Protein backbone atom coordinates (compact mmCIF):
# COMPACT_ATOMS: atom_id res chain seq x y z
CA MET A 1 -5.97 11.82 60.98
CA ILE A 2 -5.92 10.16 57.49
CA TRP A 3 -4.83 13.06 55.73
CA ARG A 4 -1.83 13.74 58.22
CA THR A 5 -0.73 10.03 57.56
CA LEU A 6 -1.11 10.63 53.78
CA GLY A 7 0.92 13.60 53.84
CA ARG A 8 3.65 12.29 56.06
CA MET A 9 3.84 9.16 53.51
CA ILE A 10 4.51 11.38 51.05
CA VAL A 11 6.92 13.99 52.70
CA VAL A 12 9.39 11.26 54.33
CA PRO A 13 10.46 9.67 51.16
CA LEU A 14 11.02 13.04 49.40
CA SER A 15 12.62 14.32 52.37
CA LEU A 16 14.73 11.67 52.76
CA ALA A 17 15.76 11.48 48.80
CA VAL A 18 16.59 15.32 48.71
CA ALA A 19 19.07 14.55 52.22
CA ILE A 20 20.50 11.73 50.59
CA ALA A 21 21.01 14.07 47.43
CA VAL A 22 22.73 16.72 49.67
CA ALA A 23 24.85 14.29 51.61
CA GLY A 24 26.04 13.03 48.35
CA PHE A 25 26.62 16.33 47.00
CA VAL A 26 28.78 17.33 49.91
CA LEU A 27 30.75 13.74 49.72
CA VAL A 28 31.45 14.37 46.25
CA THR A 29 32.61 18.01 46.78
CA LEU A 30 34.36 17.49 49.87
CA GLY A 31 36.02 14.29 48.80
CA LEU A 32 37.02 16.14 45.55
CA GLU A 33 38.60 18.59 47.96
CA ARG A 34 40.52 15.98 49.91
CA ILE A 35 41.81 14.37 46.78
CA THR A 36 42.84 17.56 45.17
CA GLN A 37 44.88 18.35 48.55
CA THR A 38 46.44 14.77 48.08
CA VAL A 39 47.73 14.93 44.58
CA SER A 40 49.21 18.81 45.00
CA GLY A 41 50.51 17.75 48.46
CA ARG A 42 48.95 21.37 50.37
CA GLY A 43 47.35 18.83 53.05
CA ASP A 44 48.37 18.72 56.49
CA ASP A 45 48.74 14.63 56.76
CA PHE A 46 47.96 14.07 53.12
CA GLY A 47 51.41 12.92 51.98
CA SER A 48 50.78 9.43 50.85
CA ILE A 49 48.85 8.32 47.93
CA GLY A 50 47.30 5.56 49.62
CA ILE A 51 44.65 8.41 50.87
CA LEU A 52 43.58 8.78 47.68
CA ILE A 53 43.44 5.41 46.84
CA GLU A 54 41.14 4.85 50.08
CA LEU A 55 39.03 7.92 49.26
CA VAL A 56 38.09 6.16 45.27
CA LEU A 57 37.39 2.50 46.75
CA SER A 58 35.13 4.50 49.78
CA GLY A 59 33.77 6.30 47.03
CA GLY A 60 32.55 3.37 45.16
CA ILE A 61 31.44 1.33 48.28
CA LEU A 62 29.26 4.60 49.22
CA ALA A 63 27.77 4.38 45.39
CA SER A 64 25.99 1.05 46.19
CA GLY A 65 22.38 1.11 47.33
CA LEU A 66 23.31 -0.63 50.81
CA THR A 67 24.16 2.76 51.83
CA ALA A 68 20.62 3.96 52.37
CA ILE A 69 20.45 1.38 55.06
CA PRO A 70 21.75 2.86 57.84
CA ALA A 71 20.16 6.03 56.97
CA LEU A 72 16.62 4.39 56.92
CA ALA A 73 17.19 2.99 60.25
CA VAL A 74 17.38 6.54 61.48
CA VAL A 75 14.49 8.03 60.07
CA VAL A 76 12.14 4.96 60.86
CA ILE A 77 13.19 5.37 64.34
CA GLY A 78 12.69 9.03 64.33
CA GLU A 79 9.10 8.83 62.97
CA VAL A 80 8.46 6.04 64.83
CA ALA A 81 9.37 7.41 68.09
CA ARG A 82 8.14 10.63 67.02
CA ILE A 83 11.63 12.30 67.91
CA ARG A 84 11.93 16.00 66.41
CA ALA A 85 15.27 16.68 68.05
CA SER A 86 17.49 18.43 65.31
CA LEU A 87 20.73 16.97 66.84
CA TYR A 88 19.19 13.38 66.69
CA TYR A 89 18.89 13.27 63.02
CA ILE A 90 22.21 15.31 62.70
CA VAL A 91 24.18 13.06 64.41
CA GLY A 92 22.33 10.22 63.15
CA GLY A 93 23.19 11.19 59.69
CA GLY A 94 26.75 11.25 60.36
CA LEU A 95 27.08 8.16 62.46
CA ALA A 96 24.78 6.26 59.52
CA LEU A 97 27.42 7.29 56.97
CA VAL A 98 30.65 6.72 59.02
CA ALA A 99 29.53 3.48 59.41
CA ILE A 100 29.36 2.58 55.70
CA PRO A 101 33.28 2.65 55.36
CA ILE A 102 33.49 0.46 58.54
CA LEU A 103 30.72 -2.12 57.62
CA ALA A 104 32.60 -2.25 54.21
CA ARG A 105 35.80 -3.44 55.92
CA LEU A 106 34.40 -5.95 57.86
CA GLY A 107 34.36 -8.01 54.36
CA SER A 108 37.57 -7.61 53.40
CA GLN A 109 41.04 -9.12 54.82
CA SER A 110 42.14 -5.92 56.13
CA VAL A 111 40.88 -5.33 59.59
CA ALA A 112 42.36 -1.64 60.13
CA LEU A 113 39.60 1.22 60.30
CA PRO A 114 39.65 3.55 57.30
CA GLU A 115 41.56 6.42 57.02
CA VAL A 116 40.90 9.35 59.50
CA VAL A 117 40.34 11.46 56.01
CA VAL A 118 37.57 9.30 54.73
CA MET A 119 35.81 9.24 58.17
CA GLN A 120 35.77 13.39 58.54
CA VAL A 121 34.40 13.32 54.52
CA CYS A 122 31.69 10.66 55.59
CA ALA A 123 30.81 12.23 58.65
CA THR A 124 30.55 15.96 57.31
CA ALA A 125 28.25 14.83 54.81
CA GLY A 126 26.07 12.59 56.72
CA PHE A 127 25.70 15.85 58.87
CA ALA A 128 24.30 17.92 56.17
CA GLY A 129 21.84 14.95 55.24
CA GLY A 130 20.80 14.66 58.44
CA TRP A 131 20.15 18.15 58.94
CA ILE A 132 18.45 18.74 56.05
CA TYR A 133 15.83 15.74 56.63
CA TRP A 134 15.22 17.31 59.73
CA LEU A 135 14.63 20.68 58.27
CA LEU A 136 12.02 19.44 55.91
CA ALA A 137 10.69 16.41 57.95
CA GLY A 138 11.71 15.87 60.95
CA ARG A 139 10.66 19.10 62.84
CA LYS A 140 6.99 17.55 62.41
CA ALA A 141 7.71 13.60 63.37
């Protein structure tokens, strides 16, 4: 019992760190792809440079330390409730990362939702991070 608890205390933070790194990697690479499409004018609905500015501003917000709070909430709830379902961690990771640009808008004068492109990039990165966390630690919660 003690060894299992000690093992979870080691595995959970390491798995969370790896999942955050993977989500950050997906966020940056997919974000760069969207920026490239915007600048070159090849995207479907990427006609304005305003979307590029939105991605850059959201990237600055995502780089802050407060972005880990929703992800920590998903992990703590999953560990305490002993949730082993991959769907919980995948959807929870996506929602946790999508919540960041929305919550960041609450403090600004603009009440409009972030661009759809920003939400898509954040959701995809969150899904990847949630899946990695489930793969490393969530299966044995």
